[in-house]
Amino acid sequence: MALRAFNIELAQIRDRINNTDQAKFRFQFWRDAVNSLFEPNLRHRGTPIERELSESTVGLKLSKYHFNQLIDARQRHFNECAFDSLRAAQIYAEETNVPIHYLICEAYGELCGYPCFPPYFRCIS
């Protein structure tokens, strides 16, 4: 549930903020929050979503890579209102949906005791 809330929070940046500089700060805020999940020395758990992510990812081997891919994709497509082609819409859908599904797959795989991906496919965080 926390992973989906994180995804929604990133998606809403586009709807809530129309200034590119403010959006950059918001995306950086979430990058810092993700970094704090993987580095115990950093404390950055001020929002409910950060706390939920922190609590729900304890013991799970989620890839930092997929979190960052999602943030990067949302930031890359921040100013796009319409797509020039079907291919552009497909790229947007892949870049903004695949990372969250990989994270969910990793979480369920770890919780159920099954690896989500073969060892050669797993990203290093």
N, C-alpha and C. Protein backbone atom coordinates (compact mmCIF):
# COMPACT_ATOMS: atom_id res chain seq x y z
N MET A 1 0.82 -1.18 0.00
CA MET A 1 0.00 0.00 0.00
C MET A 1 0.87 1.26 0.00
N ALA A 2 1.97 1.23 0.75
CA ALA A 2 2.86 2.38 0.82
C ALA A 2 3.50 2.67 -0.54
N LEU A 3 3.82 1.60 -1.29
CA LEU A 3 4.42 1.79 -2.61
C LEU A 3 3.45 2.48 -3.56
N ARG A 4 2.20 2.08 -3.50
CA ARG A 4 1.20 2.72 -4.36
C ARG A 4 0.97 4.18 -3.95
N ALA A 5 0.96 4.44 -2.65
CA ALA A 5 0.80 5.82 -2.18
C ALA A 5 1.97 6.68 -2.64
N PHE A 6 3.17 6.12 -2.60
CA PHE A 6 4.36 6.83 -3.08
C PHE A 6 4.21 7.17 -4.56
N ASN A 7 3.75 6.22 -5.35
CA ASN A 7 3.55 6.44 -6.78
C ASN A 7 2.51 7.54 -7.02
N ILE A 8 1.43 7.52 -6.27
CA ILE A 8 0.39 8.54 -6.42
C ILE A 8 0.94 9.92 -6.04
N GLU A 9 1.70 9.97 -4.97
CA GLU A 9 2.30 11.25 -4.54
C GLU A 9 3.18 11.83 -5.65
N LEU A 10 3.98 10.98 -6.28
CA LEU A 10 4.82 11.46 -7.38
C LEU A 10 3.98 11.92 -8.57
N ALA A 11 2.94 11.18 -8.88
CA ALA A 11 2.08 11.53 -10.01
C ALA A 11 1.36 12.85 -9.78
N GLN A 12 1.02 13.14 -8.54
CA GLN A 12 0.28 14.36 -8.24
C GLN A 12 1.14 15.62 -8.27
N ILE A 13 2.43 15.46 -8.28
CA ILE A 13 3.30 16.65 -8.40
C ILE A 13 2.94 17.41 -9.67
N ARG A 14 2.68 16.68 -10.71
CA ARG A 14 2.33 17.28 -12.00
C ARG A 14 1.03 18.08 -11.91
N ASP A 15 0.08 17.58 -11.11
CA ASP A 15 -1.22 18.24 -10.99
C ASP A 15 -1.21 19.42 -10.02
N ARG A 16 -0.38 19.33 -9.01
CA ARG A 16 -0.39 20.33 -7.94
C ARG A 16 0.57 21.50 -8.17
N ILE A 17 1.61 21.26 -8.92
CA ILE A 17 2.66 22.28 -9.08
C ILE A 17 2.81 22.60 -10.56
N ASN A 18 2.76 23.88 -10.91
CA ASN A 18 2.95 24.23 -12.32
C ASN A 18 4.24 24.99 -12.56
N ASN A 19 5.04 25.17 -11.54
CA ASN A 19 6.33 25.84 -11.67
C ASN A 19 7.42 24.76 -11.71
N THR A 20 8.23 24.78 -12.75
CA THR A 20 9.26 23.75 -12.93
C THR A 20 10.26 23.73 -11.78
N ASP A 21 10.64 24.89 -11.28
CA ASP A 21 11.60 24.94 -10.17
C ASP A 21 11.03 24.31 -8.90
N GLN A 22 9.78 24.61 -8.60
CA GLN A 22 9.14 24.00 -7.43
C GLN A 22 9.04 22.49 -7.59
N ALA A 23 8.75 22.05 -8.80
CA ALA A 23 8.66 20.61 -9.06
C ALA A 23 10.01 19.94 -8.84
N LYS A 24 11.08 20.60 -9.28
CA LYS A 24 12.43 20.04 -9.07
C LYS A 24 12.70 19.83 -7.59
N PHE A 25 12.31 20.80 -6.77
CA PHE A 25 12.50 20.67 -5.32
C PHE A 25 11.69 19.51 -4.76
N ARG A 26 10.48 19.36 -5.26
CA ARG A 26 9.62 18.28 -4.76
C ARG A 26 10.19 16.92 -5.16
N PHE A 27 10.64 16.80 -6.39
CA PHE A 27 11.25 15.53 -6.81
C PHE A 27 12.52 15.26 -6.01
N GLN A 28 13.30 16.29 -5.73
CA GLN A 28 14.50 16.11 -4.91
C GLN A 28 14.14 15.68 -3.49
N PHE A 29 13.06 16.23 -2.97
CA PHE A 29 12.58 15.83 -1.65
C PHE A 29 12.34 14.32 -1.62
N TRP A 30 11.70 13.80 -2.66
CA TRP A 30 11.41 12.36 -2.69
C TRP A 30 12.67 11.54 -2.95
N ARG A 31 13.63 12.07 -3.70
CA ARG A 31 14.92 11.38 -3.85
C ARG A 31 15.61 11.25 -2.49
N ASP A 32 15.59 12.33 -1.72
CA ASP A 32 16.20 12.30 -0.39
C ASP A 32 15.46 11.32 0.52
N ALA A 33 14.15 11.28 0.39
CA ALA A 33 13.36 10.34 1.20
C ALA A 33 13.72 8.90 0.85
N VAL A 34 13.89 8.61 -0.43
CA VAL A 34 14.27 7.26 -0.85
C VAL A 34 15.67 6.93 -0.34
N ASN A 35 16.58 7.87 -0.45
CA ASN A 35 17.94 7.64 0.07
C ASN A 35 17.91 7.31 1.55
N SER A 36 17.03 7.97 2.29
CA SER A 36 16.97 7.71 3.73
C SER A 36 16.43 6.31 4.04
N LEU A 37 15.68 5.73 3.12
CA LEU A 37 15.20 4.35 3.32
C LEU A 37 16.36 3.36 3.28
N PHE A 38 17.36 3.67 2.49
CA PHE A 38 18.46 2.73 2.27
C PHE A 38 19.71 3.07 3.08
N GLU A 39 19.71 4.20 3.74
CA GLU A 39 20.84 4.59 4.58
C GLU A 39 20.33 4.90 5.98
N PRO A 40 20.55 3.99 6.92
CA PRO A 40 19.99 4.16 8.26
C PRO A 40 20.46 5.42 8.99
N ASN A 41 21.59 5.98 8.60
CA ASN A 41 22.10 7.19 9.25
C ASN A 41 21.25 8.42 8.92
N LEU A 42 20.58 8.38 7.78
CA LEU A 42 19.77 9.53 7.36
C LEU A 42 18.37 9.42 7.97
N ARG A 43 17.91 10.48 8.55
CA ARG A 43 16.55 10.52 9.09
C ARG A 43 15.76 11.54 8.29
N HIS A 44 14.75 11.07 7.58
CA HIS A 44 14.00 11.95 6.68
C HIS A 44 12.54 11.50 6.66
N ARG A 45 12.02 11.04 7.77
CA ARG A 45 10.70 10.43 7.77
C ARG A 45 9.64 11.37 8.36
N GLY A 46 9.41 12.47 7.69
CA GLY A 46 8.49 13.47 8.20
C GLY A 46 7.06 13.32 7.73
N THR A 47 6.85 12.77 6.55
CA THR A 47 5.50 12.65 6.02
C THR A 47 4.95 11.25 6.30
N PRO A 48 3.63 11.10 6.29
CA PRO A 48 3.04 9.77 6.51
C PRO A 48 3.51 8.74 5.48
N ILE A 49 3.68 9.16 4.25
CA ILE A 49 4.13 8.21 3.22
C ILE A 49 5.55 7.76 3.50
N GLU A 50 6.41 8.67 3.92
CA GLU A 50 7.78 8.29 4.27
C GLU A 50 7.79 7.29 5.42
N ARG A 51 6.97 7.56 6.44
CA ARG A 51 6.92 6.64 7.58
C ARG A 51 6.41 5.27 7.16
N GLU A 52 5.37 5.25 6.34
CA GLU A 52 4.82 3.97 5.87
C GLU A 52 5.83 3.21 5.02
N LEU A 53 6.50 3.91 4.13
CA LEU A 53 7.53 3.25 3.32
C LEU A 53 8.62 2.67 4.21
N SER A 54 9.03 3.45 5.20
CA SER A 54 10.08 3.00 6.10
C SER A 54 9.65 1.75 6.87
N GLU A 55 8.44 1.76 7.39
CA GLU A 55 7.94 0.62 8.17
C GLU A 55 7.67 -0.59 7.29
N SER A 56 7.12 -0.36 6.11
CA SER A 56 6.73 -1.50 5.28
C SER A 56 7.90 -2.12 4.53
N THR A 57 9.00 -1.42 4.41
CA THR A 57 10.14 -1.99 3.68
C THR A 57 11.17 -2.64 4.59
N VAL A 58 10.92 -2.62 5.89
CA VAL A 58 11.86 -3.26 6.82
C VAL A 58 11.95 -4.75 6.50
N GLY A 59 13.16 -5.21 6.27
CA GLY A 59 13.38 -6.63 5.97
C GLY A 59 13.19 -7.00 4.52
N LEU A 60 12.67 -6.11 3.72
CA LEU A 60 12.50 -6.40 2.30
C LEU A 60 13.71 -5.90 1.53
N LYS A 61 14.08 -6.62 0.52
CA LYS A 61 15.23 -6.22 -0.30
C LYS A 61 14.73 -5.54 -1.57
N LEU A 62 14.17 -4.37 -1.39
CA LEU A 62 13.69 -3.62 -2.54
C LEU A 62 14.84 -2.87 -3.18
N SER A 63 14.76 -2.70 -4.47
CA SER A 63 15.83 -2.04 -5.23
C SER A 63 15.67 -0.53 -5.20
N LYS A 64 16.67 0.14 -4.72
CA LYS A 64 16.71 1.60 -4.76
C LYS A 64 16.61 2.08 -6.21
N TYR A 65 17.17 1.28 -7.09
CA TYR A 65 17.17 1.58 -8.52
C TYR A 65 15.75 1.83 -9.03
N HIS A 66 14.79 0.97 -8.66
CA HIS A 66 13.42 1.12 -9.16
C HIS A 66 12.74 2.36 -8.58
N PHE A 67 13.02 2.68 -7.33
CA PHE A 67 12.50 3.93 -6.76
C PHE A 67 13.00 5.12 -7.57
N ASN A 68 14.30 5.13 -7.84
CA ASN A 68 14.89 6.25 -8.58
C ASN A 68 14.40 6.30 -10.03
N GLN A 69 14.18 5.15 -10.64
CA GLN A 69 13.65 5.12 -12.01
C GLN A 69 12.28 5.76 -12.05
N LEU A 70 11.47 5.48 -11.05
CA LEU A 70 10.13 6.05 -11.01
C LEU A 70 10.18 7.57 -10.84
N ILE A 71 11.01 8.03 -9.92
CA ILE A 71 11.16 9.48 -9.72
C ILE A 71 11.68 10.15 -10.99
N ASP A 72 12.69 9.56 -11.61
CA ASP A 72 13.26 10.12 -12.84
C ASP A 72 12.22 10.20 -13.95
N ALA A 73 11.43 9.15 -14.11
CA ALA A 73 10.42 9.13 -15.16
C ALA A 73 9.36 10.20 -14.93
N ARG A 74 8.91 10.32 -13.70
CA ARG A 74 7.89 11.34 -13.39
C ARG A 74 8.45 12.74 -13.63
N GLN A 75 9.70 12.95 -13.29
CA GLN A 75 10.31 14.27 -13.50
C GLN A 75 10.52 14.54 -14.99
N ARG A 76 10.94 13.52 -15.72
CA ARG A 76 11.20 13.68 -17.15
C ARG A 76 9.92 14.07 -17.90
N HIS A 77 8.79 13.55 -17.45
CA HIS A 77 7.52 13.79 -18.15
C HIS A 77 6.68 14.85 -17.45
N PHE A 78 7.28 15.64 -16.59
CA PHE A 78 6.55 16.61 -15.79
C PHE A 78 5.77 17.62 -16.64
N ASN A 79 6.37 18.16 -17.66
CA ASN A 79 5.75 19.23 -18.46
C ASN A 79 4.92 18.74 -19.64
N GLU A 80 4.81 17.45 -19.82
CA GLU A 80 4.08 16.94 -20.97
C GLU A 80 2.58 16.93 -20.69
N CYS A 81 1.83 17.61 -21.54
CA CYS A 81 0.37 17.64 -21.40
C CYS A 81 -0.29 16.66 -22.35
N ALA A 82 0.29 16.50 -23.51
CA ALA A 82 -0.24 15.58 -24.50
C ALA A 82 0.93 14.87 -25.17
N PHE A 83 0.64 13.77 -25.78
CA PHE A 83 1.69 13.00 -26.43
C PHE A 83 1.63 13.20 -27.94
N ASP A 84 2.81 13.29 -28.55
CA ASP A 84 2.89 13.50 -29.99
C ASP A 84 2.50 12.28 -30.78
N SER A 85 2.68 11.12 -30.18
CA SER A 85 2.41 9.88 -30.90
C SER A 85 2.01 8.79 -29.92
N LEU A 86 1.54 7.71 -30.47
CA LEU A 86 1.21 6.55 -29.65
C LEU A 86 2.46 6.00 -28.99
N ARG A 87 3.57 6.05 -29.69
CA ARG A 87 4.85 5.57 -29.13
C ARG A 87 5.25 6.40 -27.91
N ALA A 88 5.05 7.71 -27.96
CA ALA A 88 5.37 8.57 -26.82
C ALA A 88 4.50 8.22 -25.61
N ALA A 89 3.23 7.94 -25.86
CA ALA A 89 2.33 7.53 -24.77
C ALA A 89 2.75 6.18 -24.20
N GLN A 90 3.19 5.28 -25.07
CA GLN A 90 3.65 3.97 -24.62
C GLN A 90 4.91 4.10 -23.76
N ILE A 91 5.84 4.93 -24.17
CA ILE A 91 7.07 5.15 -23.40
C ILE A 91 6.73 5.71 -22.03
N TYR A 92 5.83 6.69 -21.99
CA TYR A 92 5.41 7.27 -20.71
C TYR A 92 4.81 6.19 -19.81
N ALA A 93 3.92 5.39 -20.37
CA ALA A 93 3.27 4.34 -19.57
C ALA A 93 4.29 3.34 -19.03
N GLU A 94 5.23 2.95 -19.87
CA GLU A 94 6.26 2.00 -19.43
C GLU A 94 7.15 2.60 -18.35
N GLU A 95 7.59 3.82 -18.57
CA GLU A 95 8.54 4.44 -17.63
C GLU A 95 7.90 4.76 -16.28
N THR A 96 6.60 5.02 -16.26
CA THR A 96 5.96 5.41 -15.01
C THR A 96 5.23 4.27 -14.32
N ASN A 97 5.05 3.15 -14.99
CA ASN A 97 4.34 2.02 -14.37
C ASN A 97 5.23 0.83 -14.06
N VAL A 98 6.18 0.55 -14.91
CA VAL A 98 7.02 -0.63 -14.72
C VAL A 98 7.80 -0.60 -13.40
N PRO A 99 8.45 0.53 -13.03
CA PRO A 99 9.21 0.51 -11.78
C PRO A 99 8.36 0.19 -10.54
N ILE A 100 7.14 0.71 -10.49
CA ILE A 100 6.30 0.45 -9.32
C ILE A 100 5.88 -1.01 -9.29
N HIS A 101 5.64 -1.60 -10.45
CA HIS A 101 5.28 -3.02 -10.50
C HIS A 101 6.47 -3.90 -10.11
N TYR A 102 7.66 -3.51 -10.51
CA TYR A 102 8.85 -4.25 -10.08
C TYR A 102 9.01 -4.20 -8.56
N LEU A 103 8.79 -3.02 -7.98
CA LEU A 103 8.91 -2.90 -6.52
C LEU A 103 7.86 -3.76 -5.81
N ILE A 104 6.64 -3.74 -6.31
CA ILE A 104 5.58 -4.56 -5.71
C ILE A 104 5.92 -6.03 -5.86
N CYS A 105 6.41 -6.40 -7.02
CA CYS A 105 6.82 -7.79 -7.26
C CYS A 105 7.94 -8.19 -6.31
N GLU A 106 8.91 -7.32 -6.13
CA GLU A 106 10.00 -7.61 -5.19
C GLU A 106 9.46 -7.78 -3.78
N ALA A 107 8.54 -6.91 -3.38
CA ALA A 107 7.98 -6.99 -2.03
C ALA A 107 7.22 -8.29 -1.83
N TYR A 108 6.37 -8.66 -2.76
CA TYR A 108 5.62 -9.91 -2.63
C TYR A 108 6.53 -11.11 -2.71
N GLY A 109 7.53 -11.03 -3.56
CA GLY A 109 8.47 -12.14 -3.66
C GLY A 109 9.21 -12.37 -2.36
N GLU A 110 9.64 -11.30 -1.72
CA GLU A 110 10.34 -11.41 -0.45
C GLU A 110 9.40 -11.89 0.65
N LEU A 111 8.18 -11.38 0.67
CA LEU A 111 7.23 -11.76 1.71
C LEU A 111 6.82 -13.22 1.60
N CYS A 112 6.70 -13.71 0.38
CA CYS A 112 6.26 -15.09 0.17
C CYS A 112 7.41 -16.07 0.09
N GLY A 113 8.62 -15.57 0.09
CA GLY A 113 9.78 -16.45 0.04
C GLY A 113 10.20 -16.85 -1.35
N TYR A 114 9.63 -16.23 -2.36
CA TYR A 114 9.97 -16.55 -3.74
C TYR A 114 10.72 -15.39 -4.35
N PRO A 115 11.78 -15.67 -5.07
CA PRO A 115 12.46 -14.57 -5.75
C PRO A 115 11.59 -14.05 -6.89
N CYS A 116 11.54 -12.76 -7.02
CA CYS A 116 10.72 -12.16 -8.06
C CYS A 116 11.38 -12.25 -9.42
N PHE A 117 12.68 -12.09 -9.45
CA PHE A 117 13.42 -12.08 -10.70
C PHE A 117 14.57 -13.07 -10.60
N PRO A 118 14.99 -13.61 -11.72
CA PRO A 118 16.21 -14.43 -11.69
C PRO A 118 17.39 -13.58 -11.24
N PRO A 119 18.40 -14.18 -10.64
CA PRO A 119 19.54 -13.41 -10.11
C PRO A 119 20.21 -12.49 -11.13
N TYR A 120 20.28 -12.90 -12.38
CA TYR A 120 20.95 -12.08 -13.38
C TYR A 120 20.14 -10.84 -13.74
N PHE A 121 18.85 -10.83 -13.43
CA PHE A 121 17.98 -9.72 -13.80
C PHE A 121 17.84 -8.69 -12.69
N ARG A 122 18.11 -9.10 -11.49
CA ARG A 122 17.90 -8.22 -10.34
C ARG A 122 18.85 -7.02 -10.38
N CYS A 123 18.31 -5.85 -10.15
CA CYS A 123 19.11 -4.63 -10.17
C CYS A 123 19.81 -4.46 -8.83
N ILE A 124 20.97 -3.90 -8.88
CA ILE A 124 21.74 -3.64 -7.66
C ILE A 124 21.38 -2.25 -7.16
N SER A 125 21.05 -2.14 -5.88
CA SER A 125 20.63 -0.84 -5.34
C SER A 125 21.76 0.01 -4.96
